[in-house]
Protein backbone atom coordinates (compact mmCIF):
# COMPACT_ATOMS: atom_id res chain seq x y z
CA MET A 1 101.90 -93.38 -88.76
CA ARG A 2 103.75 -93.70 -92.05
CA GLU A 3 102.38 -90.35 -93.22
CA LEU A 4 103.44 -88.71 -89.96
CA THR A 5 106.92 -90.21 -90.26
CA ALA A 6 107.21 -89.21 -93.93
CA ASN A 7 106.31 -85.60 -93.02
CA ILE A 8 109.06 -85.52 -90.39
CA VAL A 9 111.53 -86.93 -92.91
CA ALA A 10 110.56 -84.18 -95.34
CA GLU A 11 111.10 -81.50 -92.68
CA VAL A 12 114.54 -82.89 -91.79
CA ARG A 13 115.50 -83.02 -95.48
CA LYS A 14 114.49 -79.39 -95.85
CA GLU A 15 116.49 -78.30 -92.82
CA THR A 16 119.62 -80.35 -93.50
CA GLY A 17 119.61 -80.72 -97.27
CA HIS A 18 119.86 -84.50 -96.91
CA LYS A 19 118.90 -86.27 -100.14
CA GLY A 20 119.75 -89.90 -99.39
CA PRO A 21 117.16 -92.69 -99.33
CA VAL A 22 115.19 -93.20 -96.12
CA GLU A 23 113.31 -96.41 -95.41
CA ILE A 24 110.34 -96.37 -93.07
CA GLY A 25 109.82 -99.61 -91.20
CA THR A 26 108.50 -100.97 -87.94
CA MET A 27 109.47 -103.09 -84.97
CA ILE A 28 107.41 -106.27 -84.52
CA GLU A 29 107.16 -106.75 -80.77
CA ILE A 30 103.65 -107.98 -79.99
CA PRO A 31 101.70 -111.06 -81.17
CA ARG A 32 99.01 -108.95 -82.86
CA ALA A 33 101.60 -107.39 -85.16
CA CYS A 34 102.71 -110.89 -86.18
CA ILE A 35 99.26 -112.17 -87.08
CA THR A 36 98.33 -108.97 -88.94
CA ALA A 37 101.70 -108.62 -90.65
CA ASP A 38 100.10 -108.55 -94.11
CA GLU A 39 98.30 -105.32 -93.17
CA VAL A 40 101.35 -103.85 -91.45
CA ALA A 41 103.51 -104.60 -94.50
CA GLN A 42 101.38 -102.30 -96.64
CA HIS A 43 102.85 -99.36 -94.74
CA ALA A 44 106.37 -100.60 -94.03
CA ASP A 45 109.59 -100.93 -96.00
CA PHE A 46 111.04 -103.39 -93.49
CA PHE A 47 110.27 -105.39 -90.35
CA SER A 48 112.58 -105.75 -87.37
CA PHE A 49 111.58 -108.28 -84.73
CA GLY A 50 112.25 -106.95 -81.25
CA THR A 51 112.70 -110.47 -79.93
CA ASN A 52 113.24 -109.46 -76.31
CA ASP A 53 109.87 -107.71 -76.06
CA LEU A 54 108.15 -110.18 -78.38
CA THR A 55 109.22 -112.97 -76.03
CA GLN A 56 107.78 -111.07 -73.06
CA THR A 57 104.45 -110.31 -74.74
CA ALA A 58 104.07 -113.74 -76.33
CA LEU A 59 104.87 -115.72 -73.19
CA GLY A 60 103.46 -113.27 -70.67
CA ILE A 61 106.75 -113.25 -68.79
CA SER A 62 108.62 -110.21 -67.53
CA ARG A 63 112.38 -110.30 -67.89
CA ASP A 64 112.65 -108.50 -64.56
CA ASP A 65 111.02 -111.39 -62.71
CA ALA A 66 111.95 -114.33 -64.95
CA GLY A 67 115.17 -115.12 -63.10
CA ARG A 68 113.17 -116.29 -60.11
CA PHE A 69 111.41 -119.17 -61.89
CA LEU A 70 112.75 -119.69 -65.44
CA PRO A 71 115.64 -121.94 -64.34
CA ALA A 72 113.08 -124.30 -62.78
CA TYR A 73 110.97 -124.18 -65.98
CA VAL A 74 113.98 -125.19 -68.07
CA GLU A 75 114.97 -127.89 -65.58
CA LYS A 76 111.48 -129.41 -65.73
CA GLY A 77 111.42 -129.26 -69.54
CA ILE A 78 108.68 -126.63 -69.84
CA TYR A 79 111.10 -124.68 -72.05
CA ALA A 80 113.99 -126.27 -73.93
CA ALA A 81 116.15 -123.29 -72.97
CA ASP A 82 115.81 -119.87 -71.38
CA PRO A 83 113.58 -118.07 -73.96
CA PHE A 84 115.40 -114.81 -73.28
CA VAL A 85 118.68 -116.44 -74.29
CA ALA A 86 117.58 -118.63 -77.23
CA ILE A 87 114.43 -118.04 -79.29
CA ASP A 88 111.49 -120.17 -78.17
CA ARG A 89 110.85 -121.77 -81.57
CA VAL A 90 107.55 -123.37 -80.61
CA GLY A 91 105.87 -120.18 -79.39
CA VAL A 92 107.76 -117.03 -80.34
CA GLY A 93 109.26 -118.75 -83.37
CA SER A 94 105.83 -119.66 -84.72
CA LEU A 95 104.72 -116.03 -84.45
CA MET A 96 107.87 -114.91 -86.29
CA ARG A 97 107.33 -117.48 -89.05
CA THR A 98 103.71 -116.31 -89.45
CA ALA A 99 104.80 -112.68 -89.69
CA VAL A 100 107.39 -113.49 -92.37
CA THR A 101 104.85 -115.45 -94.45
CA LEU A 102 102.14 -112.80 -94.20
CA GLY A 103 104.47 -109.84 -94.60
CA ARG A 104 105.96 -111.20 -97.82
CA LYS A 105 102.65 -112.35 -99.25
CA ASP A 106 102.25 -109.12 -101.23
CA LYS A 107 105.81 -107.84 -100.69
CA PRO A 108 108.14 -110.74 -101.56
CA LYS A 109 111.24 -108.57 -101.15
CA LEU A 110 110.27 -107.12 -97.77
CA LYS A 111 113.45 -106.83 -95.69
CA ILE A 112 113.08 -108.59 -92.34
CA GLY A 113 115.52 -109.06 -89.47
CA ILE A 114 115.76 -109.10 -85.71
CA CYS A 115 117.13 -106.70 -83.13
CA GLY A 116 118.17 -107.95 -79.72
CA GLU A 117 120.55 -110.24 -77.88
CA HIS A 118 119.02 -113.25 -79.65
CA GLY A 119 120.86 -111.97 -82.72
CA GLY A 120 124.13 -113.10 -81.20
CA GLU A 121 123.01 -116.55 -80.00
CA PRO A 122 123.99 -119.35 -82.46
CA SER A 123 120.79 -121.45 -82.39
CA SER A 124 118.67 -118.31 -82.75
CA VAL A 125 120.74 -117.13 -85.73
CA GLU A 126 120.27 -120.57 -87.29
CA PHE A 127 116.50 -120.27 -86.82
CA CYS A 128 116.48 -116.80 -88.38
CA HIS A 129 118.26 -118.19 -91.42
CA GLU A 130 115.79 -121.07 -91.57
CA ILE A 131 112.73 -118.79 -91.75
CA GLY A 132 114.34 -116.50 -94.33
CA LEU A 133 115.40 -113.39 -92.42
CA ASP A 134 117.81 -110.98 -94.10
CA TYR A 135 119.89 -109.88 -91.14
CA VAL A 136 120.39 -110.02 -87.39
CA SER A 137 121.37 -107.09 -85.22
CA CYS A 138 123.16 -107.52 -81.91
CA SER A 139 125.67 -105.89 -79.58
CA PRO A 140 129.18 -105.39 -81.06
CA TYR A 141 130.93 -108.09 -79.03
CA ARG A 142 128.46 -110.70 -80.32
CA VAL A 143 128.92 -109.89 -84.02
CA PRO A 144 131.74 -112.47 -84.61
CA VAL A 145 129.59 -115.23 -83.10
CA ALA A 146 126.59 -114.16 -85.18
CA ARG A 147 128.62 -114.15 -88.40
CA LEU A 148 130.01 -117.62 -87.70
CA ALA A 149 126.56 -119.01 -86.86
CA ALA A 150 125.12 -117.49 -90.06
CA ALA A 151 127.91 -119.00 -92.16
CA ARG A 152 127.40 -122.45 -90.61
CA ALA A 153 123.65 -122.27 -91.26
CA ALA A 154 124.25 -121.33 -94.91
CA VAL A 155 126.78 -124.14 -95.41
CA ALA A 156 124.44 -126.70 -93.80
CA GLU A 157 121.60 -125.59 -96.08
CA GLN A 158 123.85 -125.82 -99.14
CA ARG A 159 124.93 -129.35 -98.25
CA ALA A 160 121.33 -130.44 -97.64
CA ALA A 161 120.33 -129.05 -101.05
CA LYS A 162 123.17 -130.97 -102.74
CA SER A 163 122.11 -134.17 -100.99
CA ARG A 164 118.51 -133.73 -102.16
CA ALA A 165 119.65 -133.02 -105.71
CA LYS A 166 121.85 -136.13 -105.67
CA LEU A 167 118.94 -138.31 -104.54
CA LYS A 168 116.71 -136.92 -107.29
CA SER A 169 119.35 -137.59 -109.94
CA SER A 170 119.67 -141.25 -108.83
CA PRO A 171 116.16 -142.71 -109.24
CA ALA A 172 115.39 -146.25 -108.15
CA LYS A 173 115.94 -148.91 -110.85
CA VAL A 174 112.97 -151.05 -111.96
CA SER A 175 113.40 -154.72 -112.81
CA PRO A 176 111.45 -155.43 -116.06
CA ALA A 177 111.07 -159.09 -115.11
CA LYS A 178 109.40 -158.63 -111.73
CA GLY A 179 108.47 -154.95 -111.87
CA LYS A 180 110.07 -154.31 -108.49
CA SER A 181 112.09 -151.20 -107.75
CA GLN A 182 115.66 -151.57 -106.67
CA ALA A 183 117.71 -148.94 -104.88
CA PRO A 184 120.87 -147.81 -106.67
CA ALA A 185 123.83 -150.03 -105.80
CA LYS A 186 126.04 -148.57 -103.11
CA LYS A 187 129.78 -148.31 -103.63
CA PRO A 188 131.60 -151.03 -101.68
CA MET A 189 133.37 -149.96 -98.52
CA VAL A 190 137.15 -150.02 -98.73
CA ALA A 191 139.20 -151.19 -95.76
CA ALA A 192 142.89 -150.51 -95.33
CA GLY A 193 144.86 -153.77 -95.17
CA LYS A 194 146.81 -156.38 -97.08
CA SER A 195 145.40 -157.99 -100.22
CA ARG A 196 145.72 -161.62 -101.25
CA LYS A 197 144.29 -163.89 -103.92
CA ASN A 198 141.56 -166.42 -103.21
CA GLY A 199 141.01 -169.74 -104.89
CA SER A 200 139.47 -168.14 -107.98
CA GLY A 201 142.43 -165.85 -108.48
CA LYS A 202 140.59 -162.70 -107.42
CA LYS A 203 142.13 -160.21 -104.99
CA VAL A 204 140.43 -159.87 -101.62
CA VAL A 205 141.21 -157.67 -98.63
CA SER A 206 142.31 -159.19 -95.37
CA ALA A 207 140.15 -157.41 -92.79
CA ALA A 208 141.64 -159.24 -89.82
CA SER A 209 145.11 -157.78 -90.27
CA SER A 210 143.97 -154.32 -91.35
CA LYS A 211 143.27 -151.11 -89.49
CA ALA A 212 140.07 -149.15 -90.10
CA ALA A 213 140.62 -146.38 -92.62
CA GLY A 214 140.12 -142.90 -91.18
CA ARG A 215 137.46 -140.77 -92.72
CA ALA A 216 138.59 -137.70 -94.60
CA LYS A 217 137.60 -134.41 -93.02
CA PRO A 218 134.99 -132.54 -95.06
CA LYS A 219 136.19 -129.41 -96.79
CA ILE A 220 134.09 -126.34 -96.15
CA GLY A 221 134.10 -123.82 -98.97
CA LYS A 222 132.62 -120.38 -99.19
CA SER A 223 128.87 -120.36 -99.65
CA SER A 224 127.66 -118.67 -102.79
CA ARG A 225 124.44 -117.78 -101.06
CA GLY A 226 124.28 -114.61 -99.00
CA ALA A 227 123.77 -115.56 -95.37
CA ILE A 228 122.33 -113.47 -92.64
CA ALA A 229 125.10 -111.11 -91.64
CA GLY A 230 125.52 -109.80 -88.13
CA LYS A 231 125.30 -106.05 -88.01
CA THR A 232 125.56 -103.53 -85.27
CA ARG A 233 122.88 -101.02 -84.88
């Protein structure tokens, strides 16, 4: 198929004089393509998950008939949500994760994304970021939602990485006398209120006459990491 496509590209170049780069990729829409993604990747420059059709073929459910019974499935907990609205992470998501792993086994820089209405659904965009996709494609009116969801996923990942790094840089202390590990001392909580001196002359805080201090709102900065960006196709 790649050879056939390349021949057509060559013919079009000859007729139009087009000299720009042309990538040849494939849609991933059936389970077999996911579990043989390492073989498919040998002939593709990119993957694009057709999540609507992949959901149908993976779950054996037709979108045309799903409206008659899916609400009952969701109500009874068979699915966490309508799989045609939010990606079914347990089933369809596992196939996608497998395809990403296999596809990038020999092609680490293989571009992978999704095409479909899932690309504009926040939890699905978050999942795509989690498994390492490069982009999501959705209808124009969903692009703002997709961009916001991608940004939130990137910020959450950045914060989690900082938390892990902070934990690693603060190892548990070991007491030489007993050989027991001790967790790093936590900073004391500060309450807003009046201070007074106790019998020893030290200042203490009167909690009874104080109001609880409000927590400062976290500041969200721009992520230095490129997040999945919503694109129209």
